[in-house]
Amino acid sequence: MRKRFEKSSQKRGGERAEPAKMRTLPKPAGAETTNKTEANFAAKRFVNDLMIRGEAAKKSKKGKLPLRATHAIKRQNRDGTVEVERLRFKTF
């Protein structure tokens, strides 16, 4: 009868090696806020570009999106910004 091994390393008679531990460098002060502001700027830029290209539009009364649009406007905020939702991919 064959001997059953739980791990392949036991078959060879060895022990499993510990994974290498990586050292991380401390983040500079204010780095987290910089990343958040950059991400916020990128998100606003993306939505503005969608609006300019006409790829974001409101749904019709029947709930349909125009053919040229890929994103539906979910909500328009008081400050003029909009929240969009992707509904389809653009085919060229």
PDB file of N, CA and C in Angstrom:
ATOM      1  N   MET A   1       0.829  -1.177   0.000  1.00  0.00           N
ATOM      2  CA  MET A   1       0.000   0.000   0.000  1.00  0.00           C
ATOM      3  C   MET A   1       0.880   1.250   0.000  1.00  0.00           C
ATOM      4  N   ARG A   2       0.468   2.245  -0.763  1.00  0.00           N
ATOM      5  CA  ARG A   2       1.258   3.475  -0.880  1.00  0.00           C
ATOM      6  C   ARG A   2       1.071   4.366   0.338  1.00  0.00           C
ATOM      7  N   LYS A   3       2.123   5.083   0.650  1.00  0.00           N
ATOM      8  CA  LYS A   3       2.082   6.037   1.745  1.00  0.00           C
ATOM      9  C   LYS A   3       1.518   7.355   1.218  1.00  0.00           C
ATOM     10  N   ARG A   4       0.545   7.903   1.922  1.00  0.00           N
ATOM     11  CA  ARG A   4      -0.070   9.165   1.494  1.00  0.00           C
ATOM     12  C   ARG A   4       0.655  10.339   2.141  1.00  0.00           C
ATOM     13  N   PHE A   5       0.934  11.335   1.323  1.00  0.00           N
ATOM     14  CA  PHE A   5       1.602  12.539   1.797  1.00  0.00           C
ATOM     15  C   PHE A   5       0.628  13.702   1.693  1.00  0.00           C
ATOM     16  N   GLU A   6       0.653  14.565   2.691  1.00  0.00           N
ATOM     17  CA  GLU A   6      -0.227  15.727   2.659  1.00  0.00           C
ATOM     18  C   GLU A   6       0.349  16.845   1.798  1.00  0.00           C
ATOM     19  N   LYS A   7       1.639  16.982   1.799  1.00  0.00           N
ATOM     20  CA  LYS A   7       2.281  18.035   1.020  1.00  0.00           C
ATOM     21  C   LYS A   7       3.342  17.409   0.136  1.00  0.00           C
ATOM     22  N   SER A   8       3.579  18.020  -0.988  1.00  0.00           N
ATOM     23  CA  SER A   8       4.588  17.470  -1.888  1.00  0.00           C
ATOM     24  C   SER A   8       5.984  17.577  -1.293  1.00  0.00           C
ATOM     25  N   SER A   9       6.205  18.551  -0.401  1.00  0.00           N
ATOM     26  CA  SER A   9       7.527  18.683   0.203  1.00  0.00           C
ATOM     27  C   SER A   9       7.799  17.541   1.172  1.00  0.00           C
ATOM     28  N   GLN A  10       6.741  16.962   1.751  1.00  0.00           N
ATOM     29  CA  GLN A  10       6.927  15.828   2.649  1.00  0.00           C
ATOM     30  C   GLN A  10       7.383  14.605   1.872  1.00  0.00           C
ATOM     31  N   LYS A  11       6.952  14.502   0.637  1.00  0.00           N
ATOM     32  CA  LYS A  11       7.336  13.376  -0.195  1.00  0.00           C
ATOM     33  C   LYS A  11       8.849  13.369  -0.386  1.00  0.00           C
ATOM     34  N   ARG A  12       9.407  14.554  -0.544  1.00  0.00           N
ATOM     35  CA  ARG A  12      10.841  14.662  -0.748  1.00  0.00           C
ATOM     36  C   ARG A  12      11.604  14.670   0.566  1.00  0.00           C
ATOM     37  N   GLY A  13      10.877  14.713   1.669  1.00  0.00           N
ATOM     38  CA  GLY A  13      11.526  14.674   2.968  1.00  0.00           C
ATOM     39  C   GLY A  13      11.984  16.029   3.467  1.00  0.00           C
ATOM     40  N   GLY A  14      11.596  17.100   2.808  1.00  0.00           N
ATOM     41  CA  GLY A  14      12.041  18.429   3.206  1.00  0.00           C
ATOM     42  C   GLY A  14      10.930  19.226   3.861  1.00  0.00           C
ATOM     43  N   GLU A  15      11.288  20.334   4.399  1.00  0.00           N
ATOM     44  CA  GLU A  15      10.322  21.247   4.992  1.00  0.00           C
ATOM     45  C   GLU A  15      10.041  22.371   4.009  1.00  0.00           C
ATOM     46  N   ARG A  16       8.873  22.939   4.138  1.00  0.00           N
ATOM     47  CA  ARG A  16       8.529  24.067   3.275  1.00  0.00           C
ATOM     48  C   ARG A  16       9.281  25.307   3.723  1.00  0.00           C
ATOM     49  N   ALA A  17       9.759  26.041   2.764  1.00  0.00           N
ATOM     50  CA  ALA A  17      10.480  27.276   3.069  1.00  0.00           C
ATOM     51  C   ALA A  17       9.485  28.373   3.401  1.00  0.00           C
ATOM     52  N   GLU A  18       9.882  29.248   4.290  1.00  0.00           N
ATOM     53  CA  GLU A  18       9.045  30.389   4.638  1.00  0.00           C
ATOM     54  C   GLU A  18       9.071  31.388   3.486  1.00  0.00           C
ATOM     55  N   PRO A  19       7.948  32.015   3.187  1.00  0.00           N
ATOM     56  CA  PRO A  19       7.958  33.011   2.115  1.00  0.00           C
ATOM     57  C   PRO A  19       8.818  34.214   2.509  1.00  0.00           C
ATOM     58  N   ALA A  20       9.406  34.822   1.520  1.00  0.00           N
ATOM     59  CA  ALA A  20      10.260  35.984   1.767  1.00  0.00           C
ATOM     60  C   ALA A  20       9.415  37.151   2.252  1.00  0.00           C
ATOM     61  N   LYS A  21       9.918  37.855   3.228  1.00  0.00           N
ATOM     62  CA  LYS A  21       9.201  39.004   3.765  1.00  0.00           C
ATOM     63  C   LYS A  21       9.760  40.263   3.129  1.00  0.00           C
ATOM     64  N   MET A  22       8.855  41.112   2.679  1.00  0.00           N
ATOM     65  CA  MET A  22       9.274  42.347   2.026  1.00  0.00           C
ATOM     66  C   MET A  22       9.214  43.486   3.028  1.00  0.00           C
ATOM     67  N   ARG A  23      10.201  44.329   2.955  1.00  0.00           N
ATOM     68  CA  ARG A  23      10.195  45.520   3.791  1.00  0.00           C
ATOM     69  C   ARG A  23       9.506  46.636   3.024  1.00  0.00           C
ATOM     70  N   THR A  24       8.707  47.388   3.715  1.00  0.00           N
ATOM     71  CA  THR A  24       8.052  48.524   3.080  1.00  0.00           C
ATOM     72  C   THR A  24       8.646  49.808   3.645  1.00  0.00           C
ATOM     73  N   LEU A  25       8.810  50.760   2.786  1.00  0.00           N
ATOM     74  CA  LEU A  25       9.337  52.048   3.202  1.00  0.00           C
ATOM     75  C   LEU A  25       8.211  52.891   3.766  1.00  0.00           C
ATOM     76  N   PRO A  26       8.496  53.715   4.755  1.00  0.00           N
ATOM     77  CA  PRO A  26       7.446  54.581   5.290  1.00  0.00           C
ATOM     78  C   PRO A  26       7.018  55.598   4.240  1.00  0.00           C
ATOM     79  N   LYS A  27       5.727  55.897   4.239  1.00  0.00           N
ATOM     80  CA  LYS A  27       5.204  56.872   3.281  1.00  0.00           C
ATOM     81  C   LYS A  27       5.508  58.285   3.771  1.00  0.00           C
ATOM     82  N   PRO A  28       5.826  59.184   2.869  1.00  0.00           N
ATOM     83  CA  PRO A  28       6.068  60.562   3.288  1.00  0.00           C
ATOM     84  C   PRO A  28       4.776  61.201   3.786  1.00  0.00           C
ATOM     85  N   ALA A  29       4.934  62.179   4.642  1.00  0.00           N
ATOM     86  CA  ALA A  29       3.773  62.864   5.203  1.00  0.00           C
ATOM     87  C   ALA A  29       2.965  63.526   4.091  1.00  0.00           C
ATOM     88  N   GLY A  30       1.662  63.344   4.121  1.00  0.00           N
ATOM     89  CA  GLY A  30       0.783  63.953   3.128  1.00  0.00           C
ATOM     90  C   GLY A  30       0.633  63.153   1.856  1.00  0.00           C
ATOM     91  N   ALA A  31       1.252  61.999   1.762  1.00  0.00           N
ATOM     92  CA  ALA A  31       1.175  61.196   0.533  1.00  0.00           C
ATOM     93  C   ALA A  31      -0.224  60.646   0.326  1.00  0.00           C
ATOM     94  N   GLU A  32      -0.888  60.284   1.421  1.00  0.00           N
ATOM     95  CA  GLU A  32      -2.228  59.710   1.307  1.00  0.00           C
ATOM     96  C   GLU A  32      -3.219  60.745   0.790  1.00  0.00           C
ATOM     97  N   THR A  33      -3.128  61.971   1.274  1.00  0.00           N
ATOM     98  CA  THR A  33      -4.044  63.010   0.806  1.00  0.00           C
ATOM     99  C   THR A  33      -3.756  63.369  -0.642  1.00  0.00           C
ATOM    100  N   THR A  34      -2.492  63.305  -1.051  1.00  0.00           N
ATOM    101  CA  THR A  34      -2.143  63.601  -2.443  1.00  0.00           C
ATOM    102  C   THR A  34      -2.771  62.570  -3.367  1.00  0.00           C
ATOM    103  N   ASN A  35      -2.706  61.297  -2.995  1.00  0.00           N
ATOM    104  CA  ASN A  35      -3.299  60.251  -3.817  1.00  0.00           C
ATOM    105  C   ASN A  35      -4.810  60.414  -3.910  1.00  0.00           C
ATOM    106  N   LYS A  36      -5.451  60.816  -2.811  1.00  0.00           N
ATOM    107  CA  LYS A  36      -6.900  61.013  -2.824  1.00  0.00           C
ATOM    108  C   LYS A  36      -7.282  62.185  -3.717  1.00  0.00           C
ATOM    109  N   THR A  37      -6.520  63.264  -3.637  1.00  0.00           N
ATOM    110  CA  THR A  37      -6.857  64.423  -4.462  1.00  0.00           C
ATOM    111  C   THR A  37      -6.593  64.129  -5.935  1.00  0.00           C
ATOM    112  N   GLU A  38      -5.528  63.363  -6.220  1.00  0.00           N
ATOM    113  CA  GLU A  38      -5.257  62.986  -7.607  1.00  0.00           C
ATOM    114  C   GLU A  38      -6.357  62.083  -8.146  1.00  0.00           C
ATOM    115  N   ALA A  39      -6.827  61.148  -7.327  1.00  0.00           N
ATOM    116  CA  ALA A  39      -7.894  60.243  -7.753  1.00  0.00           C
ATOM    117  C   ALA A  39      -9.192  61.014  -7.959  1.00  0.00           C
ATOM    118  N   ASN A  40      -9.467  61.970  -7.081  1.00  0.00           N
ATOM    119  CA  ASN A  40     -10.670  62.781  -7.202  1.00  0.00           C
ATOM    120  C   ASN A  40     -10.607  63.627  -8.474  1.00  0.00           C
ATOM    121  N   PHE A  41      -9.455  64.204  -8.747  1.00  0.00           N
ATOM    122  CA  PHE A  41      -9.280  65.000  -9.958  1.00  0.00           C
ATOM    123  C   PHE A  41      -9.458  64.131 -11.200  1.00  0.00           C
ATOM    124  N   ALA A  42      -8.887  62.924 -11.174  1.00  0.00           N
ATOM    125  CA  ALA A  42      -8.992  62.018 -12.321  1.00  0.00           C
ATOM    126  C   ALA A  42     -10.439  61.602 -12.555  1.00  0.00           C
ATOM    127  N   ALA A  43     -11.187  61.363 -11.489  1.00  0.00           N
ATOM    128  CA  ALA A  43     -12.589  60.968 -11.630  1.00  0.00           C
ATOM    129  C   ALA A  43     -13.412  62.108 -12.229  1.00  0.00           C
ATOM    130  N   LYS A  44     -13.179  63.326 -11.747  1.00  0.00           N
ATOM    131  CA  LYS A  44     -13.907  64.480 -12.291  1.00  0.00           C
ATOM    132  C   LYS A  44     -13.562  64.699 -13.762  1.00  0.00           C
ATOM    133  N   ARG A  45     -12.298  64.554 -14.081  1.00  0.00           N
ATOM    134  CA  ARG A  45     -11.854  64.726 -15.467  1.00  0.00           C
ATOM    135  C   ARG A  45     -12.501  63.686 -16.376  1.00  0.00           C
ATOM    136  N   PHE A  46     -12.570  62.439 -15.910  1.00  0.00           N
ATOM    137  CA  PHE A  46     -13.176  61.363 -16.689  1.00  0.00           C
ATOM    138  C   PHE A  46     -14.646  61.659 -16.980  1.00  0.00           C
ATOM    139  N   VAL A  47     -15.386  62.077 -15.969  1.00  0.00           N
ATOM    140  CA  VAL A  47     -16.813  62.369 -16.149  1.00  0.00           C
ATOM    141  C   VAL A  47     -16.995  63.571 -17.066  1.00  0.00           C
ATOM    142  N   ASN A  48     -16.175  64.603 -16.901  1.00  0.00           N
ATOM    143  CA  ASN A  48     -16.273  65.774 -17.781  1.00  0.00           C
ATOM    144  C   ASN A  48     -15.985  65.401 -19.229  1.00  0.00           C
ATOM    145  N   ASP A  49     -14.992  64.550 -19.449  1.00  0.00           N
ATOM    146  CA  ASP A  49     -14.683  64.105 -20.811  1.00  0.00           C
ATOM    147  C   ASP A  49     -15.832  63.300 -21.406  1.00  0.00           C
ATOM    148  N   LEU A  50     -16.496  62.485 -20.590  1.00  0.00           N
ATOM    149  CA  LEU A  50     -17.671  61.744 -21.068  1.00  0.00           C
ATOM    150  C   LEU A  50     -18.767  62.702 -21.523  1.00  0.00           C
ATOM    151  N   MET A  51     -18.971  63.741 -20.746  1.00  0.00           N
ATOM    152  CA  MET A  51     -20.017  64.712 -21.078  1.00  0.00           C
ATOM    153  C   MET A  51     -19.669  65.455 -22.371  1.00  0.00           C
ATOM    154  N   ILE A  52     -18.421  65.838 -22.533  1.00  0.00           N
ATOM    155  CA  ILE A  52     -18.001  66.577 -23.726  1.00  0.00           C
ATOM    156  C   ILE A  52     -18.155  65.720 -24.978  1.00  0.00           C
ATOM    157  N   ARG A  53     -17.760  64.458 -24.895  1.00  0.00           N
ATOM    158  CA  ARG A  53     -17.843  63.558 -26.054  1.00  0.00           C
ATOM    159  C   ARG A  53     -19.266  63.069 -26.319  1.00  0.00           C
ATOM    160  N   GLY A  54     -20.180  63.322 -25.396  1.00  0.00           N
ATOM    161  CA  GLY A  54     -21.558  62.877 -25.578  1.00  0.00           C
ATOM    162  C   GLY A  54     -21.765  61.413 -25.226  1.00  0.00           C
ATOM    163  N   GLU A  55     -20.837  60.845 -24.484  1.00  0.00           N
ATOM    164  CA  GLU A  55     -20.957  59.442 -24.102  1.00  0.00           C
ATOM    165  C   GLU A  55     -21.739  59.260 -22.811  1.00  0.00           C
ATOM    166  N   ALA A  56     -22.079  60.342 -22.139  1.00  0.00           N
ATOM    167  CA  ALA A  56     -22.927  60.289 -20.954  1.00  0.00           C
ATOM    168  C   ALA A  56     -24.195  61.072 -21.265  1.00  0.00           C
ATOM    169  N   ALA A  57     -25.333  60.452 -21.034  1.00  0.00           N
ATOM    170  CA  ALA A  57     -26.608  61.108 -21.333  1.00  0.00           C
ATOM    171  C   ALA A  57     -27.665  60.618 -20.355  1.00  0.00           C
ATOM    172  N   LYS A  58     -28.734  61.401 -20.246  1.00  0.00           N
ATOM    173  CA  LYS A  58     -29.855  60.993 -19.402  1.00  0.00           C
ATOM    174  C   LYS A  58     -30.708  59.984 -20.152  1.00  0.00           C
ATOM    175  N   LYS A  59     -31.347  59.115 -19.404  1.00  0.00           N
ATOM    176  CA  LYS A  59     -32.251  58.140 -20.016  1.00  0.00           C
ATOM    177  C   LYS A  59     -33.526  58.850 -20.459  1.00  0.00           C
ATOM    178  N   SER A  60     -34.167  58.299 -21.475  1.00  0.00           N
ATOM    179  CA  SER A  60     -35.428  58.873 -21.951  1.00  0.00           C
ATOM    180  C   SER A  60     -36.549  58.516 -20.971  1.00  0.00           C
ATOM    181  N   LYS A  61     -37.737  59.007 -21.254  1.00  0.00           N
ATOM    182  CA  LYS A  61     -38.877  58.706 -20.386  1.00  0.00           C
ATOM    183  C   LYS A  61     -39.192  57.216 -20.368  1.00  0.00           C
ATOM    184  N   LYS A  62     -38.861  56.538 -21.465  1.00  0.00           N
ATOM    185  CA  LYS A  62     -39.080  55.092 -21.533  1.00  0.00           C
ATOM    186  C   LYS A  62     -37.951  54.313 -20.857  1.00  0.00           C
ATOM    187  N   GLY A  63     -36.930  55.013 -20.400  1.00  0.00           N
ATOM    188  CA  GLY A  63     -35.815  54.368 -19.720  1.00  0.00           C
ATOM    189  C   GLY A  63     -34.709  53.900 -20.640  1.00  0.00           C
ATOM    190  N   LYS A  64     -34.721  54.391 -21.883  1.00  0.00           N
ATOM    191  CA  LYS A  64     -33.697  53.976 -22.842  1.00  0.00           C
ATOM    192  C   LYS A  64     -32.611  55.033 -22.942  1.00  0.00           C
ATOM    193  N   LEU A  65     -31.428  54.563 -23.281  1.00  0.00           N
ATOM    194  CA  LEU A  65     -30.266  55.425 -23.436  1.00  0.00           C
ATOM    195  C   LEU A  65     -30.037  55.680 -24.919  1.00  0.00           C
ATOM    196  N   PRO A  66     -29.654  56.909 -25.317  1.00  0.00           N
ATOM    197  CA  PRO A  66     -29.353  57.157 -26.732  1.00  0.00           C
ATOM    198  C   PRO A  66     -28.242  56.226 -27.226  1.00  0.00           C
ATOM    199  N   LEU A  67     -28.233  55.933 -28.519  1.00  0.00           N
ATOM    200  CA  LEU A  67     -27.279  54.978 -29.069  1.00  0.00           C
ATOM    201  C   LEU A  67     -25.826  55.405 -28.901  1.00  0.00           C
ATOM    202  N   ARG A  68     -25.545  56.687 -28.963  1.00  0.00           N
ATOM    203  CA  ARG A  68     -24.161  57.150 -28.869  1.00  0.00           C
ATOM    204  C   ARG A  68     -23.627  57.099 -27.434  1.00  0.00           C
ATOM    205  N   ALA A  69     -24.504  56.991 -26.459  1.00  0.00           N
ATOM    206  CA  ALA A  69     -24.098  57.055 -25.049  1.00  0.00           C
ATOM    207  C   ALA A  69     -23.694  55.688 -24.507  1.00  0.00           C
ATOM    208  N   THR A  70     -22.685  55.700 -23.668  1.00  0.00           N
ATOM    209  CA  THR A  70     -22.241  54.481 -22.994  1.00  0.00           C
ATOM    210  C   THR A  70     -22.510  54.542 -21.499  1.00  0.00           C
ATOM    211  N   HIS A  71     -22.696  55.746 -20.980  1.00  0.00           N
ATOM    212  CA  HIS A  71     -22.934  55.947 -19.554  1.00  0.00           C
ATOM    213  C   HIS A  71     -24.248  56.707 -19.357  1.00  0.00           C
ATOM    214  N   ALA A  72     -24.985  56.327 -18.322  1.00  0.00           N
ATOM    215  CA  ALA A  72     -26.220  57.031 -17.971  1.00  0.00           C
ATOM    216  C   ALA A  72     -25.936  57.962 -16.798  1.00  0.00           C
ATOM    217  N   ILE A  73     -26.524  59.122 -16.842  1.00  0.00           N
ATOM    218  CA  ILE A  73     -26.378  60.064 -15.737  1.00  0.00           C
ATOM    219  C   ILE A  73     -27.337  59.627 -14.639  1.00  0.00           C
ATOM    220  N   LYS A  74     -26.775  59.250 -13.500  1.00  0.00           N
ATOM    221  CA  LYS A  74     -27.588  58.796 -12.380  1.00  0.00           C
ATOM    222  C   LYS A  74     -28.156  59.964 -11.597  1.00  0.00           C
ATOM    223  N   ARG A  75     -27.282  60.951 -11.319  1.00  0.00           N
ATOM    224  CA  ARG A  75     -27.705  62.068 -10.487  1.00  0.00           C
ATOM    225  C   ARG A  75     -26.900  63.297 -10.847  1.00  0.00           C
ATOM    226  N   GLN A  76     -27.566  64.432 -10.838  1.00  0.00           N
ATOM    227  CA  GLN A  76     -26.877  65.696 -11.067  1.00  0.00           C
ATOM    228  C   GLN A  76     -26.881  66.464  -9.749  1.00  0.00           C
ATOM    229  N   ASN A  77     -25.698  66.783  -9.261  1.00  0.00           N
ATOM    230  CA  ASN A  77     -25.561  67.471  -7.978  1.00  0.00           C
ATOM    231  C   ASN A  77     -25.814  68.962  -8.132  1.00  0.00           C
ATOM    232  N   ARG A  78     -26.023  69.627  -7.027  1.00  0.00           N
ATOM    233  CA  ARG A  78     -26.316  71.062  -7.057  1.00  0.00           C
ATOM    234  C   ARG A  78     -25.147  71.891  -7.572  1.00  0.00           C
ATOM    235  N   ASP A  79     -23.931  71.391  -7.357  1.00  0.00           N
ATOM    236  CA  ASP A  79     -22.761  72.144  -7.815  1.00  0.00           C
ATOM    237  C   ASP A  79     -22.467  71.931  -9.293  1.00  0.00           C
ATOM    238  N   GLY A  80     -23.299  71.165  -9.986  1.00  0.00           N
ATOM    239  CA  GLY A  80     -23.139  70.965 -11.421  1.00  0.00           C
ATOM    240  C   GLY A  80     -22.443  69.674 -11.801  1.00  0.00           C
ATOM    241  N   THR A  81     -21.864  68.990 -10.830  1.00  0.00           N
ATOM    242  CA  THR A  81     -21.216  67.713 -11.127  1.00  0.00           C
ATOM    243  C   THR A  81     -22.271  66.625 -11.282  1.00  0.00           C
ATOM    244  N   VAL A  82     -21.912  65.578 -11.996  1.00  0.00           N
ATOM    245  CA  VAL A  82     -22.856  64.486 -12.213  1.00  0.00           C
ATOM    246  C   VAL A  82     -22.228  63.160 -11.799  1.00  0.00           C
ATOM    247  N   GLU A  83     -23.083  62.209 -11.469  1.00  0.00           N
ATOM    248  CA  GLU A  83     -22.658  60.841 -11.196  1.00  0.00           C
ATOM    249  C   GLU A  83     -23.147  59.990 -12.352  1.00  0.00           C
ATOM    250  N   VAL A  84     -22.253  59.169 -12.891  1.00  0.00           N
ATOM    251  CA  VAL A  84     -22.600  58.360 -14.054  1.00  0.00           C
ATOM    252  C   VAL A  84     -22.499  56.878 -13.721  1.00  0.00           C
ATOM    253  N   GLU A  85     -23.188  56.084 -14.541  1.00  0.00           N
ATOM    254  CA  GLU A  85     -23.168  54.633 -14.410  1.00  0.00           C
ATOM    255  C   GLU A  85     -22.949  54.044 -15.792  1.00  0.00           C
ATOM    256  N   ARG A  86     -22.001  53.141 -15.903  1.00  0.00           N
ATOM    257  CA  ARG A  86     -21.716  52.526 -17.206  1.00  0.00           C
ATOM    258  C   ARG A  86     -22.796  51.493 -17.508  1.00  0.00           C
ATOM    259  N   LEU A  87     -23.375  51.604 -18.706  1.00  0.00           N
ATOM    260  CA  LEU A  87     -24.421  50.668 -19.101  1.00  0.00           C
ATOM    261  C   LEU A  87     -24.029  49.810 -20.286  1.00  0.00           C
ATOM    262  N   ARG A  88     -23.145  50.303 -21.127  1.00  0.00           N
ATOM    263  CA  ARG A  88     -22.727  49.507 -22.289  1.00  0.00           C
ATOM    264  C   ARG A  88     -21.338  49.914 -22.727  1.00  0.00           C
ATOM    265  N   PHE A  89     -20.742  49.020 -23.518  1.00  0.00           N
ATOM    266  CA  PHE A  89     -19.434  49.293 -24.087  1.00  0.00           C
ATOM    267  C   PHE A  89     -19.614  49.825 -25.496  1.00  0.00           C
ATOM    268  N   LYS A  90     -18.693  50.634 -25.928  1.00  0.00           N
ATOM    269  CA  LYS A  90     -18.766  51.218 -27.258  1.00  0.00           C
ATOM    270  C   LYS A  90     -18.143  50.264 -28.267  1.00  0.00           C
ATOM    271  N   THR A  91     -18.853  50.015 -29.338  1.00  0.00           N
ATOM    272  CA  THR A  91     -18.311  49.189 -30.416  1.00  0.00           C
ATOM    273  C   THR A  91     -17.985  50.094 -31.584  1.00  0.00           C
ATOM    274  N   PHE A  92     -16.824  49.917 -32.140  1.00  0.00           N
ATOM    275  CA  PHE A  92     -16.386  50.777 -33.235  1.00  0.00           C
ATOM    276  C   PHE A  92     -16.659  50.126 -34.551  1.00  0.00           C
TER     277      PHE A  92
END
